[in-house]
Amino acid sequence: FSRFCEEILKATSLAFSVLLLALKFIHRLKTRHPLLKGAEGSECRLMVCSLMLAMKVLLDNTYTNRTWNKVSKIPIEELNVMEIEFLLQLNFDLYVDEDEYFSWIHQ
């Protein structure tokens, strides 16, 4: 998993703020759904999906899902489904206010 993340981060050259927000999204998902378990290898897909969404929230000029497909080797159809499922699990709540962010960072 760590090697996969390293390769994705090198290939995309994402800003550190995108990575942090992606991790916050994963934390939010796990907090809201503590019993949610993924299949083996799903941690890579979860990371890609959270990076995709974090980039879309923070940046005006983002990678398309097709670009994420090329970088991650995850089929585009699966990326699209993963994105919707992730959003549904969070009730489309991607907003993180400043207090919540700093509270999470300082845990």
C-alpha atoms as a PDB file:
ATOM      1  CA  PHE A   1       0.000   0.000   0.000  1.00  0.00           C
ATOM      2  CA  SER A   2       2.746   2.473   0.887  1.00  0.00           C
ATOM      3  CA  ARG A   3       4.501   1.847  -2.419  1.00  0.00           C
ATOM      4  CA  PHE A   4       1.234   2.349  -4.320  1.00  0.00           C
ATOM      5  CA  CYS A   5       0.666   5.668  -2.507  1.00  0.00           C
ATOM      6  CA  GLU A   6       4.218   6.753  -3.184  1.00  0.00           C
ATOM      7  CA  GLU A   7       3.810   6.043  -6.899  1.00  0.00           C
ATOM      8  CA  ILE A   8       0.459   7.868  -7.080  1.00  0.00           C
ATOM      9  CA  LEU A   9       1.824  10.905  -5.260  1.00  0.00           C
ATOM     10  CA  LYS A  10       4.928  11.034  -7.460  1.00  0.00           C
ATOM     11  CA  ALA A  11       2.907  10.676 -10.650  1.00  0.00           C
ATOM     12  CA  THR A  12       0.372  13.343  -9.713  1.00  0.00           C
ATOM     13  CA  SER A  13       2.573  15.872  -7.876  1.00  0.00           C
ATOM     14  CA  LEU A  14      -0.410  16.811  -5.733  1.00  0.00           C
ATOM     15  CA  ALA A  15      -0.173  19.641  -3.254  1.00  0.00           C
ATOM     16  CA  PHE A  16       0.236  18.640   0.387  1.00  0.00           C
ATOM     17  CA  SER A  17      -3.137  20.260   1.152  1.00  0.00           C
ATOM     18  CA  VAL A  18      -4.826  17.793  -1.234  1.00  0.00           C
ATOM     19  CA  LEU A  19      -3.208  14.864   0.551  1.00  0.00           C
ATOM     20  CA  LEU A  20      -4.263  16.166   3.956  1.00  0.00           C
ATOM     21  CA  LEU A  21      -7.854  16.730   2.857  1.00  0.00           C
ATOM     22  CA  ALA A  22      -7.955  13.251   1.318  1.00  0.00           C
ATOM     23  CA  LEU A  23      -6.824  11.767   4.630  1.00  0.00           C
ATOM     24  CA  LYS A  24      -9.471  13.829   6.425  1.00  0.00           C
ATOM     25  CA  PHE A  25     -12.121  12.400   4.101  1.00  0.00           C
ATOM     26  CA  ILE A  26     -10.956   8.862   4.918  1.00  0.00           C
ATOM     27  CA  HIS A  27     -11.008   9.685   8.627  1.00  0.00           C
ATOM     28  CA  ARG A  28     -14.542  11.047   8.287  1.00  0.00           C
ATOM     29  CA  LEU A  29     -15.658   7.930   6.424  1.00  0.00           C
ATOM     30  CA  LYS A  30     -14.168   5.611   9.065  1.00  0.00           C
ATOM     31  CA  THR A  31     -15.630   7.700  11.901  1.00  0.00           C
ATOM     32  CA  ARG A  32     -19.122   7.677  10.437  1.00  0.00           C
ATOM     33  CA  HIS A  33     -19.002   4.012   9.409  1.00  0.00           C
ATOM     34  CA  PRO A  34     -16.702   2.200  11.864  1.00  0.00           C
ATOM     35  CA  LEU A  35     -17.947  -1.245  10.830  1.00  0.00           C
ATOM     36  CA  LEU A  36     -17.361  -0.618   7.119  1.00  0.00           C
ATOM     37  CA  LYS A  37     -14.853  -3.146   5.808  1.00  0.00           C
ATOM     38  CA  GLY A  38     -13.374  -3.249   2.329  1.00  0.00           C
ATOM     39  CA  ALA A  39     -12.077  -6.134   0.297  1.00  0.00           C
ATOM     40  CA  GLU A  40      -8.370  -6.890   0.277  1.00  0.00           C
ATOM     41  CA  GLY A  41      -6.590  -4.213  -1.728  1.00  0.00           C
ATOM     42  CA  SER A  42      -9.441  -1.734  -1.374  1.00  0.00           C
ATOM     43  CA  GLU A  43      -7.238   0.630   0.618  1.00  0.00           C
ATOM     44  CA  CYS A  44      -5.557   1.620  -2.659  1.00  0.00           C
ATOM     45  CA  ARG A  45      -8.899   2.368  -4.255  1.00  0.00           C
ATOM     46  CA  LEU A  46     -10.027   4.309  -1.198  1.00  0.00           C
ATOM     47  CA  MET A  47      -6.890   6.434  -1.316  1.00  0.00           C
ATOM     48  CA  VAL A  48      -7.293   7.203  -5.027  1.00  0.00           C
ATOM     49  CA  CYS A  49     -10.951   8.097  -4.564  1.00  0.00           C
ATOM     50  CA  SER A  50     -10.254  10.385  -1.624  1.00  0.00           C
ATOM     51  CA  LEU A  51      -7.428  12.091  -3.548  1.00  0.00           C
ATOM     52  CA  MET A  52      -9.729  12.583  -6.540  1.00  0.00           C
ATOM     53  CA  LEU A  53     -12.382  14.229  -4.398  1.00  0.00           C
ATOM     54  CA  ALA A  54      -9.946  16.322  -2.374  1.00  0.00           C
ATOM     55  CA  MET A  55      -8.437  17.674  -5.575  1.00  0.00           C
ATOM     56  CA  LYS A  56     -11.893  18.502  -6.944  1.00  0.00           C
ATOM     57  CA  VAL A  57     -12.796  20.344  -3.729  1.00  0.00           C
ATOM     58  CA  LEU A  58      -9.597  22.364  -3.436  1.00  0.00           C
ATOM     59  CA  LEU A  59      -8.539  23.117  -6.994  1.00  0.00           C
ATOM     60  CA  ASP A  60     -10.245  24.725  -9.970  1.00  0.00           C
ATOM     61  CA  ASN A  61      -8.123  22.844 -12.502  1.00  0.00           C
ATOM     62  CA  THR A  62      -8.251  19.143 -11.593  1.00  0.00           C
ATOM     63  CA  TYR A  63      -7.384  15.832 -13.166  1.00  0.00           C
ATOM     64  CA  THR A  64     -10.186  14.035 -14.949  1.00  0.00           C
ATOM     65  CA  ASN A  65     -11.216  10.571 -13.868  1.00  0.00           C
ATOM     66  CA  ARG A  66      -9.560   9.343 -17.068  1.00  0.00           C
ATOM     67  CA  THR A  67      -6.249  10.760 -15.827  1.00  0.00           C
ATOM     68  CA  TRP A  68      -6.755   8.985 -12.501  1.00  0.00           C
ATOM     69  CA  ASN A  69      -7.412   5.822 -14.501  1.00  0.00           C
ATOM     70  CA  LYS A  70      -4.069   6.167 -16.281  1.00  0.00           C
ATOM     71  CA  VAL A  71      -2.177   6.902 -13.071  1.00  0.00           C
ATOM     72  CA  SER A  72      -3.827   4.277 -10.852  1.00  0.00           C
ATOM     73  CA  LYS A  73      -4.622   1.584 -13.449  1.00  0.00           C
ATOM     74  CA  ILE A  74      -8.128   1.378 -11.968  1.00  0.00           C
ATOM     75  CA  PRO A  75     -10.731   1.069 -14.759  1.00  0.00           C
ATOM     76  CA  ILE A  76     -12.591   4.329 -15.368  1.00  0.00           C
ATOM     77  CA  GLU A  77     -15.976   2.698 -14.816  1.00  0.00           C
ATOM     78  CA  GLU A  78     -14.844   1.536 -11.373  1.00  0.00           C
ATOM     79  CA  LEU A  79     -13.466   4.990 -10.540  1.00  0.00           C
ATOM     80  CA  ASN A  80     -16.825   6.536 -11.380  1.00  0.00           C
ATOM     81  CA  VAL A  81     -18.700   4.028  -9.198  1.00  0.00           C
ATOM     82  CA  MET A  82     -16.187   4.417  -6.355  1.00  0.00           C
ATOM     83  CA  GLU A  83     -16.580   8.183  -6.434  1.00  0.00           C
ATOM     84  CA  ILE A  84     -20.373   8.018  -6.166  1.00  0.00           C
ATOM     85  CA  GLU A  85     -20.237   5.365  -3.422  1.00  0.00           C
ATOM     86  CA  PHE A  86     -17.743   7.429  -1.424  1.00  0.00           C
ATOM     87  CA  LEU A  87     -19.913  10.524  -1.756  1.00  0.00           C
ATOM     88  CA  LEU A  88     -23.021   8.581  -0.726  1.00  0.00           C
ATOM     89  CA  GLN A  89     -21.282   7.213   2.366  1.00  0.00           C
ATOM     90  CA  LEU A  90     -20.433  10.797   3.370  1.00  0.00           C
ATOM     91  CA  ASN A  91     -23.880  12.138   2.413  1.00  0.00           C
ATOM     92  CA  PHE A  92     -22.028  14.346  -0.084  1.00  0.00           C
ATOM     93  CA  ASP A  93     -20.583  16.211   2.925  1.00  0.00           C
ATOM     94  CA  LEU A  94     -17.101  17.240   1.812  1.00  0.00           C
ATOM     95  CA  TYR A  95     -17.000  20.584   3.605  1.00  0.00           C
ATOM     96  CA  VAL A  96     -14.402  20.837   6.373  1.00  0.00           C
ATOM     97  CA  ASP A  97     -14.459  24.036   8.368  1.00  0.00           C
ATOM     98  CA  GLU A  98     -11.329  25.528   9.877  1.00  0.00           C
ATOM     99  CA  ASP A  99     -12.071  24.443  13.468  1.00  0.00           C
ATOM    100  CA  GLU A 100     -12.755  20.850  12.443  1.00  0.00           C
ATOM    101  CA  TYR A 101      -9.607  20.761  10.323  1.00  0.00           C
ATOM    102  CA  PHE A 102      -7.281  22.060  13.025  1.00  0.00           C
ATOM    103  CA  SER A 103      -8.904  19.895  15.685  1.00  0.00           C
ATOM    104  CA  TRP A 104      -8.297  16.842  13.486  1.00  0.00           C
ATOM    105  CA  ILE A 105      -4.696  17.866  12.699  1.00  0.00           C
ATOM    106  CA  HIS A 106      -3.857  18.310  16.388  1.00  0.00           C
ATOM    107  CA  GLN A 107      -5.291  14.949  17.528  1.00  0.00           C
END
